[in-house]
Protein backbone atom coordinates (compact mmCIF):
# COMPACT_ATOMS: atom_id res chain seq x y z
CA UNK A 1 88.53 -59.85 -122.23
CA UNK A 2 90.31 -58.23 -119.29
CA UNK A 3 89.88 -54.73 -120.83
CA UNK A 4 86.18 -55.37 -121.38
CA UNK A 5 85.69 -56.36 -117.71
CA UNK A 6 87.72 -53.35 -116.59
CA UNK A 7 85.47 -51.00 -118.58
CA UNK A 8 82.40 -52.72 -117.07
CA UNK A 9 83.74 -52.35 -113.49
CA UNK A 10 84.64 -48.69 -114.15
CA UNK A 11 81.12 -48.04 -115.42
CA UNK A 12 79.59 -49.59 -112.27
CA UNK A 13 81.86 -47.53 -110.01
CA UNK A 14 80.83 -44.34 -111.86
CA UNK A 15 77.15 -45.19 -111.43
CA UNK A 16 77.73 -45.90 -107.75
CA UNK A 17 79.46 -42.54 -107.23
CA UNK A 18 76.65 -40.69 -109.04
CA UNK A 19 74.10 -42.47 -106.91
CA UNK A 20 75.96 -41.55 -103.72
CA UNK A 21 76.29 -37.94 -104.84
CA UNK A 22 72.59 -37.71 -105.61
CA UNK A 23 71.60 -39.26 -102.30
CA UNK A 24 73.68 -36.71 -100.38
CA UNK A 25 72.44 -33.57 -102.19
CA UNK A 26 70.49 -30.88 -100.20
CA UNK A 27 66.96 -30.33 -101.49
CA UNK A 28 65.62 -28.14 -98.65
CA UNK A 29 62.67 -30.40 -97.81
CA UNK A 30 59.23 -29.31 -96.68
CA UNK A 31 58.91 -26.21 -94.52
CA UNK A 32 58.19 -26.92 -90.86
CA UNK A 33 54.70 -25.61 -90.09
CA UNK A 34 54.03 -27.59 -86.92
CA UNK A 35 53.98 -26.03 -83.48
CA UNK A 36 56.14 -27.49 -80.70
CA UNK A 37 54.58 -30.25 -78.58
CA UNK A 38 54.73 -30.33 -74.78
CA UNK A 39 56.45 -33.58 -73.75
CA UNK A 40 56.19 -33.21 -69.99
CA UNK A 41 55.35 -30.81 -67.20
CA UNK A 42 56.58 -30.98 -63.62
CA UNK A 43 54.31 -30.68 -61.70
CA UNK A 44 51.80 -32.04 -64.20
CA UNK A 45 49.40 -29.70 -65.95
CA UNK A 46 46.04 -29.49 -64.10
CA UNK A 47 47.67 -30.47 -60.80
CA UNK A 48 45.71 -30.04 -57.57
CA UNK A 49 47.04 -29.37 -54.04
CA UNK A 50 49.84 -27.46 -55.77
CA UNK A 51 52.75 -26.55 -53.45
CA UNK A 52 55.72 -26.20 -55.83
CA UNK A 53 57.69 -23.00 -56.35
CA UNK A 54 59.00 -23.98 -59.78
CA UNK A 55 57.37 -25.41 -62.92
CA UNK A 56 59.42 -27.13 -65.64
CA UNK A 57 57.90 -27.46 -69.13
CA UNK A 58 59.74 -29.71 -71.61
CA UNK A 59 59.07 -29.66 -75.38
CA UNK A 60 59.89 -31.93 -78.30
CA UNK A 61 62.11 -29.30 -79.98
CA UNK A 62 63.95 -26.08 -79.23
CA UNK A 63 61.58 -23.24 -78.40
CA UNK A 64 61.97 -19.52 -77.81
CA UNK A 65 59.88 -16.99 -75.89
CA UNK A 66 58.46 -14.03 -77.83
CA UNK A 67 56.75 -10.95 -76.32
CA UNK A 68 56.30 -12.85 -73.07
CA UNK A 69 55.51 -9.68 -71.07
CA UNK A 70 52.62 -8.84 -73.40
CA UNK A 71 51.38 -12.34 -74.17
CA UNK A 72 51.49 -14.09 -70.79
CA UNK A 73 48.25 -13.69 -68.83
CA UNK A 74 48.22 -14.99 -65.24
CA UNK A 75 44.83 -15.35 -63.60
CA UNK A 76 44.41 -14.49 -60.79
CA UNK A 77 47.23 -11.94 -61.17
CA UNK A 78 50.30 -12.44 -59.00
CA UNK A 79 51.72 -9.52 -57.05
CA UNK A 80 55.24 -10.54 -58.01
CA UNK A 81 55.68 -11.79 -61.55
CA UNK A 82 57.26 -15.24 -61.90
CA UNK A 83 60.79 -15.54 -63.26
CA UNK A 84 60.66 -17.31 -66.64
CA UNK A 85 63.89 -18.74 -68.09
CA UNK A 86 65.80 -19.22 -70.27
CA UNK A 87 65.62 -16.21 -72.61
CA UNK A 88 67.53 -18.13 -75.29
CA UNK A 89 66.45 -21.17 -77.33
CA UNK A 90 65.96 -24.29 -75.21
CA UNK A 91 63.90 -27.48 -75.00
CA UNK A 92 62.60 -26.53 -71.58
CA UNK A 93 61.03 -23.50 -69.85
CA UNK A 94 61.45 -22.85 -66.13
CA UNK A 95 58.77 -20.83 -64.28
CA UNK A 96 59.88 -19.79 -60.79
CA UNK A 97 57.00 -18.57 -58.64
CA UNK A 98 57.98 -15.61 -56.44
CA UNK A 99 54.56 -14.86 -54.97
CA UNK A 100 52.61 -16.42 -52.09
CA UNK A 101 49.74 -18.29 -53.71
CA UNK A 102 46.17 -17.94 -52.46
CA UNK A 103 44.64 -21.04 -50.82
CA UNK A 104 41.97 -23.10 -52.61
CA UNK A 105 42.47 -21.14 -55.83
CA UNK A 106 42.74 -22.25 -59.44
CA UNK A 107 45.55 -20.48 -61.35
CA UNK A 108 45.84 -20.23 -65.11
CA UNK A 109 49.02 -19.25 -66.97
CA UNK A 110 47.99 -18.48 -70.55
CA UNK A 111 51.08 -18.01 -72.73
CA UNK A 112 49.09 -16.72 -75.72
CA UNK A 113 51.38 -16.90 -78.78
CA UNK A 114 54.61 -16.45 -76.82
CA UNK A 115 56.03 -20.01 -77.09
CA UNK A 116 57.26 -20.79 -80.62
CA UNK A 117 59.73 -23.16 -82.25
CA UNK A 118 63.21 -21.74 -82.69
CA UNK A 119 63.60 -22.33 -86.45
CA UNK A 120 60.35 -21.27 -88.11
CA UNK A 121 58.64 -19.39 -85.27
CA UNK A 122 55.51 -21.59 -85.26
CA UNK A 123 53.67 -20.68 -82.01
CA UNK A 124 51.69 -22.92 -79.69
CA UNK A 125 48.33 -21.17 -79.83
CA UNK A 126 46.97 -20.14 -76.42
CA UNK A 127 49.02 -22.69 -74.45
CA UNK A 128 47.83 -22.86 -70.84
CA UNK A 129 49.32 -24.31 -67.70
CA UNK A 130 46.66 -24.70 -65.00
CA UNK A 131 46.92 -25.76 -61.38
CA UNK A 132 44.97 -25.47 -58.14
CA UNK A 133 46.18 -24.88 -54.60
CA UNK A 134 42.99 -26.67 -53.49
CA UNK A 135 41.65 -30.14 -54.05
CA UNK A 136 39.93 -29.48 -57.40
CA UNK A 137 40.20 -27.35 -60.56
CA UNK A 138 37.52 -24.66 -60.95
CA UNK A 139 35.86 -25.18 -64.33
CA UNK A 140 33.24 -22.45 -64.84
CA UNK A 141 33.61 -19.82 -67.59
CA UNK A 142 32.01 -16.75 -69.18
CA UNK A 143 32.55 -15.17 -72.60
CA UNK A 144 31.70 -12.06 -74.56
CA UNK A 145 32.79 -9.38 -77.00
CA UNK A 146 34.56 -6.03 -76.79
CA UNK A 147 33.62 -2.93 -78.78
CA UNK A 148 34.42 0.75 -78.61
CA UNK A 149 31.55 3.02 -77.63
CA UNK A 150 32.50 5.69 -80.21
CA UNK A 151 35.39 4.57 -82.42
CA UNK A 152 34.85 2.18 -85.29
CA UNK A 153 37.64 -0.21 -84.33
CA UNK A 154 38.39 -1.57 -80.89
CA UNK A 155 41.85 -1.47 -79.29
CA UNK A 156 44.13 -4.50 -79.10
CA UNK A 157 45.34 -5.96 -75.79
CA UNK A 158 42.21 -5.22 -73.78
CA UNK A 159 42.14 -6.74 -70.29
CA UNK A 160 38.86 -8.30 -69.10
CA UNK A 161 38.57 -8.62 -65.33
CA UNK A 162 36.34 -10.06 -62.62
CA UNK A 163 36.26 -8.57 -59.12
CA UNK A 164 34.62 -10.62 -56.39
CA UNK A 165 31.55 -8.87 -54.94
CA UNK A 166 31.43 -9.64 -51.21
CA UNK A 167 30.91 -7.77 -47.93
CA UNK A 168 34.22 -5.90 -48.45
CA UNK A 169 33.49 -4.85 -52.03
CA UNK A 170 33.54 -1.15 -53.00
CA UNK A 171 33.29 0.36 -56.48
CA UNK A 172 36.72 1.95 -55.97
CA UNK A 173 38.34 -1.51 -55.87
CA UNK A 174 39.27 -1.23 -59.55
CA UNK A 175 41.38 1.85 -58.75
CA UNK A 176 43.35 0.18 -55.95
CA UNK A 177 43.45 -3.62 -56.25
CA UNK A 178 44.09 -6.37 -58.77
CA UNK A 179 41.10 -8.41 -59.98
CA UNK A 180 40.25 -11.92 -58.87
CA UNK A 181 40.38 -13.18 -62.49
CA UNK A 182 41.80 -11.70 -65.66
CA UNK A 183 42.20 -12.44 -69.37
CA UNK A 184 43.27 -10.39 -72.40
CA UNK A 185 42.14 -10.09 -76.00
CA UNK A 186 45.82 -9.90 -77.08
CA UNK A 187 46.59 -8.49 -80.53
CA UNK A 188 44.01 -10.00 -82.86
CA UNK A 189 40.73 -10.67 -81.08
CA UNK A 190 37.64 -8.69 -80.07
CA UNK A 191 36.21 -11.60 -78.13
CA UNK A 192 37.14 -12.86 -74.67
CA UNK A 193 36.70 -15.93 -72.50
CA UNK A 194 37.37 -16.13 -68.77
CA UNK A 195 37.88 -19.73 -67.68
CA UNK A 196 38.57 -21.79 -64.54
CA UNK A 197 36.25 -19.60 -62.49
CA UNK A 198 34.67 -20.27 -59.12
CA UNK A 199 30.91 -19.80 -58.65
CA UNK A 200 29.99 -16.47 -57.12
CA UNK A 201 29.01 -12.84 -57.69
CA UNK A 202 31.41 -10.58 -59.62
CA UNK A 203 31.91 -7.15 -61.17
CA UNK A 204 32.79 -7.53 -64.88
CA UNK A 205 35.14 -4.87 -66.28
CA UNK A 206 37.13 -4.35 -69.50
CA UNK A 207 40.19 -2.11 -69.48
CA UNK A 208 42.58 -0.75 -72.05
CA UNK A 209 45.30 -0.76 -69.41
CA UNK A 210 47.99 1.67 -70.65
CA UNK A 211 50.26 1.06 -67.64
CA UNK A 212 49.74 -2.73 -67.53
CA UNK A 213 49.26 -2.60 -63.76
CA UNK A 214 45.73 -4.09 -63.52
CA UNK A 215 44.41 -0.82 -62.06
CA UNK A 216 41.98 1.66 -63.63
CA UNK A 217 43.66 5.01 -64.28
CA UNK A 218 40.88 7.36 -65.51
CA UNK A 219 43.44 9.77 -66.94
CA UNK A 220 44.98 7.17 -69.29
CA UNK A 221 42.68 4.15 -69.61
CA UNK A 222 39.50 3.32 -71.46
CA UNK A 223 36.97 1.31 -69.46
CA UNK A 224 33.88 -0.78 -70.10
CA UNK A 225 31.69 -2.45 -67.47
CA UNK A 226 28.41 -4.17 -66.67
CA UNK A 227 26.47 -1.96 -64.24
CA UNK A 228 25.15 -4.70 -62.00
CA UNK A 229 27.12 -7.61 -60.52
CA UNK A 230 26.92 -10.82 -62.53
CA UNK A 231 26.53 -14.30 -61.09
CA UNK A 232 28.57 -17.31 -62.19
CA UNK A 233 27.63 -19.82 -63.60
CA UNK A 234 26.18 -17.71 -66.41
CA UNK A 235 25.62 -18.48 -70.10
CA UNK A 236 25.08 -14.84 -71.20
CA UNK A 237 27.31 -13.57 -74.03
CA UNK A 238 28.38 -10.26 -72.50
CA UNK A 239 29.20 -7.14 -74.54
CA UNK A 240 31.54 -4.56 -73.02
CA UNK A 241 31.84 -1.09 -74.55
CA UNK A 242 35.09 0.79 -73.95
CA UNK A 243 35.01 4.55 -73.43
CA UNK A 244 37.32 7.30 -72.17
CA UNK A 245 35.95 9.30 -69.27
CA UNK A 246 35.78 13.09 -69.16
CA UNK A 247 37.78 13.90 -66.03
CA UNK A 248 36.78 16.53 -63.48
CA UNK A 249 38.63 19.74 -64.27
CA UNK A 250 42.11 19.91 -62.80
CA UNK A 251 44.56 22.64 -63.78
CA UNK A 252 48.28 23.06 -63.15
CA UNK A 253 50.58 25.99 -62.54
CA UNK A 254 50.47 28.41 -65.49
CA UNK A 255 53.52 28.86 -67.70
CA UNK A 256 54.46 32.13 -69.37
CA UNK A 257 54.52 31.45 -73.12
CA UNK A 258 55.35 34.97 -74.33
CA UNK A 259 55.21 38.60 -73.26
CA UNK A 260 51.42 38.62 -73.60
CA UNK A 261 50.31 35.01 -73.13
CA UNK A 262 50.15 32.28 -70.49
CA UNK A 263 49.65 28.54 -70.90
CA UNK A 264 47.24 26.97 -68.40
CA UNK A 265 47.72 23.17 -68.55
CA UNK A 266 44.79 20.99 -67.56
CA UNK A 267 44.41 17.30 -66.90
CA UNK A 268 43.02 14.96 -69.52
CA UNK A 269 40.12 15.19 -71.89
CA UNK A 270 37.73 18.09 -71.22
CA UNK A 271 34.53 19.08 -72.99
CA UNK A 272 34.82 22.84 -73.32
CA UNK A 273 32.09 22.87 -76.00
CA UNK A 274 29.55 22.68 -73.17
CA UNK A 275 31.19 24.95 -70.60
CA UNK A 276 34.50 26.66 -70.06
CA UNK A 277 35.98 27.61 -66.69
CA UNK A 278 36.01 31.25 -65.66
CA UNK A 279 39.59 32.51 -65.63
CA UNK A 280 40.48 35.77 -63.91
CA UNK A 281 43.90 37.40 -64.21
CA UNK A 282 44.78 40.08 -61.65
CA UNK A 283 47.50 42.59 -60.93
CA UNK A 284 47.03 42.83 -57.16
CA UNK A 285 43.29 43.71 -56.96
CA UNK A 286 43.00 45.02 -60.54
CA UNK A 287 41.24 42.61 -62.90
CA UNK A 288 43.01 42.53 -66.26
CA UNK A 289 41.27 42.17 -69.59
CA UNK A 290 41.88 38.70 -71.03
CA UNK A 291 40.80 36.34 -73.77
CA UNK A 292 40.94 32.56 -73.22
CA UNK A 293 41.46 30.21 -76.18
CA UNK A 294 42.39 26.56 -76.78
CA UNK A 295 46.03 25.74 -77.46
CA UNK A 296 45.76 23.58 -80.61
CA UNK A 297 46.24 19.82 -80.08
CA UNK A 298 47.46 20.30 -76.50
CA UNK A 299 45.81 19.93 -73.09
CA UNK A 300 46.32 23.62 -72.34
CA UNK A 301 44.35 26.84 -72.45
CA UNK A 302 45.92 30.09 -73.62
CA UNK A 303 45.32 33.18 -71.49
CA UNK A 304 45.95 36.34 -73.52
CA UNK A 305 46.57 39.63 -71.71
CA UNK A 306 47.72 43.14 -72.60
CA UNK A 307 51.48 43.60 -71.93
CA UNK A 308 52.14 44.96 -68.47
CA UNK A 309 55.30 45.68 -66.48
CA UNK A 310 54.94 43.71 -63.27
CA UNK A 311 56.91 41.09 -61.37
CA UNK A 312 53.96 38.73 -60.99
CA UNK A 313 50.25 38.24 -61.67
CA UNK A 314 47.63 36.14 -59.92
CA UNK A 315 45.34 33.80 -61.83
CA UNK A 316 42.10 32.29 -60.56
CA UNK A 317 40.24 29.34 -62.11
CA UNK A 318 36.57 28.88 -61.23
CA UNK A 319 34.30 26.06 -62.38
CA UNK A 320 31.54 23.98 -60.76
CA UNK A 321 33.10 22.25 -57.73
CA UNK A 322 36.53 23.63 -58.62
CA UNK A 323 38.47 26.73 -57.49
CA UNK A 324 42.19 27.25 -57.86
CA UNK A 325 44.55 30.20 -57.43
CA UNK A 326 48.06 30.64 -58.81
CA UNK A 327 50.81 33.24 -58.76
CA UNK A 328 52.76 33.61 -62.00
CA UNK A 329 56.10 35.40 -62.27
CA UNK A 330 56.16 37.63 -65.35
CA UNK A 331 59.37 38.11 -67.32
CA UNK A 332 60.11 40.43 -70.20
CA UNK A 333 59.65 38.16 -73.23
CA UNK A 334 59.01 38.56 -76.94
CA UNK A 335 55.34 39.30 -77.66
CA UNK A 336 53.04 37.45 -80.06
CA UNK A 337 52.12 39.35 -83.20
CA UNK A 338 49.21 39.21 -85.64
CA UNK A 339 49.68 36.56 -88.32
CA UNK A 340 46.92 35.23 -90.57
CA UNK A 341 47.02 31.83 -92.30
CA UNK A 342 44.45 30.47 -94.79
CA UNK A 343 43.60 26.77 -94.46
CA UNK A 344 42.49 26.52 -98.12
CA UNK A 345 44.76 27.22 -101.05
CA UNK A 346 43.48 27.15 -104.63
CA UNK A 347 40.48 24.78 -104.77
CA UNK A 348 37.57 25.57 -102.46
CA UNK A 349 35.08 22.72 -102.26
CA UNK A 350 31.36 23.52 -102.28
CA UNK A 351 30.78 22.38 -98.70
CA UNK A 352 33.74 24.34 -97.31
CA UNK A 353 34.11 27.87 -96.02
CA UNK A 354 37.23 29.96 -96.50
CA UNK A 355 38.91 29.53 -93.10
CA UNK A 356 41.58 31.82 -91.67
CA UNK A 357 43.56 31.04 -88.53
CA UNK A 358 44.96 33.91 -86.50
CA UNK A 359 48.07 33.68 -84.33
CA UNK A 360 46.50 36.19 -81.92
CA UNK A 361 42.80 36.52 -80.99
CA UNK A 362 40.72 38.75 -83.25
CA UNK A 363 38.21 41.20 -81.78
CA UNK A 364 36.99 43.45 -84.61
CA UNK A 365 35.83 42.75 -88.17
CA UNK A 366 35.08 45.40 -90.78
CA UNK A 367 33.08 43.78 -93.57
CA UNK A 368 33.34 46.96 -95.65
CA UNK A 369 37.07 46.31 -95.98
CA UNK A 370 36.60 42.78 -97.31
CA UNK A 371 35.95 42.33 -101.02
CA UNK A 372 34.92 39.14 -102.83
CA UNK A 373 34.69 39.12 -106.63
CA UNK A 374 34.34 36.44 -109.31
CA UNK A 375 36.41 36.08 -112.49
CA UNK A 376 34.27 38.78 -114.18
CA UNK A 377 35.08 41.19 -111.31
CA UNK A 378 31.46 41.08 -110.16
CA UNK A 379 31.04 41.46 -106.40
CA UNK A 380 29.74 38.39 -104.59
CA UNK A 381 27.80 38.62 -101.34
CA UNK A 382 29.23 36.77 -98.35
CA UNK A 383 28.82 36.18 -94.62
CA UNK A 384 31.44 35.98 -91.87
CA UNK A 385 31.74 34.22 -88.55
CA UNK A 386 34.44 33.93 -85.89
CA UNK A 387 35.18 31.15 -83.39
CA UNK A 388 37.07 32.94 -80.62
CA UNK A 389 37.95 29.79 -78.67
CA UNK A 390 39.63 28.20 -81.72
CA UNK A 391 40.82 31.52 -83.22
CA UNK A 392 39.26 30.76 -86.60
CA UNK A 393 37.60 33.27 -88.96
CA UNK A 394 35.10 31.94 -91.55
CA UNK A 395 33.96 33.52 -94.80
CA UNK A 396 31.11 31.82 -96.65
CA UNK A 397 29.30 32.50 -99.91
CA UNK A 398 27.24 30.81 -102.63
CA UNK A 399 29.71 29.08 -104.94
CA UNK A 400 29.17 28.57 -108.64
CA UNK A 401 30.73 25.67 -110.54
CA UNK A 402 33.97 26.16 -112.48
CA UNK A 403 34.36 29.70 -111.16
CA UNK A 404 37.29 31.76 -109.97
CA UNK A 405 37.13 34.02 -106.95
CA UNK A 406 39.38 36.64 -105.42
CA UNK A 407 39.07 37.59 -101.76
CA UNK A 408 40.82 40.75 -100.60
CA UNK A 409 41.16 41.76 -96.96
CA UNK A 410 42.17 45.42 -97.03
CA UNK A 411 44.15 46.93 -94.11
CA UNK A 412 41.91 47.24 -91.07
CA UNK A 413 39.51 44.44 -92.05
CA UNK A 414 40.73 42.36 -89.09
CA UNK A 415 41.85 43.77 -85.74
CA UNK A 416 43.36 41.66 -82.98
CA UNK A 417 43.27 41.91 -79.18
CA UNK A 418 46.34 44.18 -79.24
CA UNK A 419 44.82 46.65 -81.75
CA UNK A 420 47.04 45.39 -84.55
CA UNK A 421 45.43 45.27 -88.00
CA UNK A 422 46.13 43.14 -91.04
CA UNK A 423 48.10 44.18 -94.06
CA UNK A 424 46.46 43.57 -97.43
CA UNK A 425 45.66 39.88 -97.78
CA UNK A 426 44.66 38.36 -101.12
CA UNK A 427 43.39 34.81 -101.62
CA UNK A 428 42.62 33.34 -105.03
CA UNK A 429 40.15 30.48 -105.04
CA UNK A 430 38.52 28.33 -107.68
CA UNK A 431 35.73 25.78 -107.76
CA UNK A 432 35.35 22.56 -109.73
CA UNK A 433 32.47 21.31 -111.85
CA UNK A 434 29.48 19.78 -110.08
CA UNK A 435 30.31 16.53 -111.87
CA UNK A 436 33.50 16.32 -109.80
CA UNK A 437 31.43 15.65 -106.68
CA UNK A 438 28.94 13.04 -105.50
CA UNK A 439 25.65 13.17 -103.60
CA UNK A 440 24.62 10.86 -100.78
CA UNK A 441 21.13 10.25 -99.41
CA UNK A 442 20.80 8.12 -96.28
CA UNK A 443 17.41 6.50 -95.74
CA UNK A 444 17.35 5.50 -92.09
CA UNK A 445 15.28 2.52 -91.00
CA UNK A 446 14.38 1.29 -87.49
CA UNK A 447 15.65 4.37 -85.66
CA UNK A 448 15.09 3.60 -81.98
CA UNK A 449 14.50 7.20 -80.84
CA UNK A 450 15.23 10.84 -81.63
CA UNK A 451 17.12 13.16 -81.71
CA UNK A 452 20.12 11.69 -83.49
CA UNK A 453 23.44 13.02 -84.77
CA UNK A 454 24.31 11.65 -88.22
CA UNK A 455 28.00 11.81 -89.07
CA UNK A 456 29.86 11.08 -92.30
CA UNK A 457 33.45 10.15 -91.52
CA UNK A 458 36.45 8.89 -93.44
CA UNK A 459 36.60 5.11 -93.88
CA UNK A 460 38.52 4.56 -90.61
CA UNK A 461 35.99 6.61 -88.67
CA UNK A 462 38.55 8.93 -87.08
CA UNK A 463 37.74 12.16 -88.95
CA UNK A 464 34.25 13.71 -89.14
CA UNK A 465 33.70 15.20 -92.62
CA UNK A 466 30.02 16.21 -92.43
CA UNK A 467 27.25 16.11 -89.84
CA UNK A 468 23.47 16.55 -89.65
CA UNK A 469 21.12 16.72 -86.67
CA UNK A 470 17.71 15.10 -86.89
CA UNK A 471 14.78 15.39 -84.49
CA UNK A 472 12.58 13.09 -86.56
CA UNK A 473 13.68 13.17 -90.19
CA UNK A 474 14.88 9.82 -91.57
CA UNK A 475 15.98 11.00 -95.01
CA UNK A 476 19.37 12.68 -94.54
CA UNK A 477 21.08 14.36 -97.51
CA UNK A 478 24.78 15.07 -97.93
CA UNK A 479 25.28 16.78 -101.28
CA UNK A 480 28.45 17.77 -103.15
CA UNK A 481 30.78 15.44 -101.27
CA UNK A 482 34.41 15.05 -102.27
CA UNK A 483 34.44 11.49 -103.68
CA UNK A 484 35.75 8.78 -101.38
CA UNK A 485 34.61 5.85 -99.24
CA UNK A 486 32.73 7.06 -96.19
CA UNK A 487 31.70 5.51 -92.91
CA UNK A 488 28.34 6.39 -91.40
CA UNK A 489 28.08 6.93 -87.64
CA UNK A 490 24.81 7.71 -85.85
CA UNK A 491 24.66 8.89 -82.24
CA UNK A 492 21.51 8.71 -80.13
CA UNK A 493 21.62 12.16 -78.49
CA UNK A 494 19.61 11.25 -75.42
CA UNK A 495 20.35 14.44 -73.46
CA UNK A 496 19.73 16.64 -76.55
CA UNK A 497 22.93 18.67 -76.27
CA UNK A 498 23.97 17.95 -79.88
CA UNK A 499 27.27 16.28 -78.98
CA UNK A 500 28.37 12.75 -78.10
CA UNK A 501 28.56 12.16 -74.33
CA UNK A 502 30.86 9.55 -72.87
CA UNK A 503 30.23 7.44 -69.76
CA UNK A 504 31.49 7.42 -66.19
CA UNK A 505 32.38 4.37 -64.10
CA UNK A 506 31.74 5.65 -60.57
CA UNK A 507 28.34 7.13 -61.49
CA UNK A 508 27.54 3.90 -63.38
CA UNK A 509 26.54 5.73 -66.57
CA UNK A 510 27.18 4.34 -70.04
CA UNK A 511 28.16 6.37 -73.07
CA UNK A 512 25.45 7.51 -75.44
CA UNK A 513 24.58 4.75 -77.90
CA UNK A 514 26.46 4.83 -81.20
CA UNK A 515 25.63 2.95 -84.41
CA UNK A 516 28.02 2.25 -87.29
CA UNK A 517 26.77 1.20 -90.70
CA UNK A 518 27.97 -2.24 -91.68
CA UNK A 519 30.09 -1.26 -94.69
CA UNK A 520 31.75 1.81 -96.22
CA UNK A 521 29.60 3.87 -98.58
CA UNK A 522 31.42 4.51 -101.86
CA UNK A 523 30.58 7.93 -103.33
CA UNK A 524 32.17 8.62 -106.70
CA UNK A 525 32.32 11.56 -109.09
CA UNK A 526 28.96 12.44 -110.66
CA UNK A 527 27.18 9.75 -108.63
CA UNK A 528 23.94 9.94 -106.66
CA UNK A 529 24.00 7.28 -103.95
CA UNK A 530 20.74 6.34 -102.26
CA UNK A 531 21.77 4.22 -99.27
CA UNK A 532 19.26 2.46 -96.99
CA UNK A 533 20.58 1.99 -93.46
CA UNK A 534 18.93 -0.42 -91.05
CA UNK A 535 19.84 0.62 -87.50
CA UNK A 536 18.65 -2.72 -86.12
CA UNK A 537 21.67 -4.51 -87.64
CA UNK A 538 24.72 -4.17 -85.34
CA UNK A 539 28.12 -3.38 -86.79
CA UNK A 540 30.39 -6.38 -87.37
CA UNK A 541 33.95 -5.57 -88.51
CA UNK A 542 34.31 -9.04 -90.07
CA UNK A 543 31.66 -8.13 -92.66
CA UNK A 544 33.66 -5.06 -93.66
CA UNK A 545 36.90 -7.06 -93.83
CA UNK A 546 35.28 -9.60 -96.17
CA UNK A 547 33.89 -6.80 -98.34
CA UNK A 548 37.34 -5.17 -98.55
CA UNK A 549 38.93 -8.51 -99.44
CA UNK A 550 36.35 -9.11 -102.19
CA UNK A 551 36.92 -5.62 -103.53
CA UNK A 552 40.68 -6.21 -103.72
CA UNK A 553 40.20 -9.58 -105.46
CA UNK A 554 37.80 -8.04 -107.99
CA UNK A 555 40.23 -5.19 -108.67
CA UNK A 556 43.08 -7.67 -109.19
CA UNK A 557 40.90 -9.79 -111.49
CA UNK A 558 39.97 -6.71 -113.55
CA UNK A 559 43.61 -5.64 -113.72
CA UNK A 560 44.69 -9.04 -115.06
CA UNK A 561 41.81 -9.11 -117.53
CA UNK A 562 42.80 -5.68 -118.80
């Protein structure tokens, strides 16, 4: 009997121990997906008659600050940024105000996504602390969208600003002073909303502010603006188009690059397709023979001259409303020599020309010393062209499918500025079948006006692959395209100069209007694509994102089915 009870008690103890062990095991639990909650604020959020120099925010859990310098938007901007502590995890945030606050003004501190819980990083979305130094909180607002005037995608972190238009207002205020109100699109939005505004008249400006100083720097920043002052209250949905200005020409002291070449740096983006400055190089009063070309991918011109033994040369730059003179010391340096490089190797697509780049400028071309034959050694007729500014030589001919070609440049075919001629150059090229390419016809609808520039770009829109100019034609053909997904960009060429023209803030001119087709056009091998394009439907990147997502889902579904 005693043994039986002992076994029973032992069994109960074992069950109890198992139960305790199970109750204490770690299962991980549900992942925390909740953002921190503000428990208190001192002074209270939305305080009026604000006079404090420190704000204490207390949360229900440990929080950390992330990218506070990028995410925090203070409107109106403060001259001296507040000190925000601590930088480590804590249940409170201290904001010490170091600036003198304006009277009767509503301030907004928008923390964006910068306050997050310490464990999982769940942010408080667009948390704002608002106060007024006056007796009430301003409550008016305006909203709108941001787009790029030329590029397909708009930049992140675009500042949107309001400058008060009063008796002291000048257009140059955006170059020298901070705005009255400011917000930012941060890293994921192309829309904006300016809140807690006072009624009045304002200049509305958008800025891709590279220096983060709330000032427009034409050399670095993109800008968008509404020409005429806006009044608040206002229920208009504003659209601001960002563009990069073409700066007035400004050059800097030339630099000797070699024994026969100078670099002439210039400031910012310039449009030398329309006009180039006149550059004169002199030895005392003697004008030297020169050639001026673009230094590839750099904001510099190259001034080529015949080698000369002198201590210094003078260089003059002349352009509309611009004259500059420099003295350049000349040292004995190694001289540039003729070197020819072909951009194509092997396959030559039907729309391409054989393109040669020369290390020194070319000046003479002897077509009789250039020979083009096919695989049967039959001579093929060709044409040539030379772009002096870019130092590119083009050879073009009628290409047959699935053919092999041999191009020979015999000695003396090409002569450079220094009377140096090429050695024998041989390039072997071949073409593909027509079925390896696709054809695209664009049928344009609701074109507002002519002429227009029609561009086929890569999907991102940052590389022009083909272009056509139309003064009235609405059926635009692009044949024999290398298969890929294309974007379609159309420019209303209002000044008829056959290039896109950007805007200018001080002259209050907008960029030429640009249209993007809503979705990429997929051209595949041996396809003929007939694509209608309605220019009355504005581009919306969300439509393209949804189309891309659907395409990925369909591809994944097909892959699993296969």
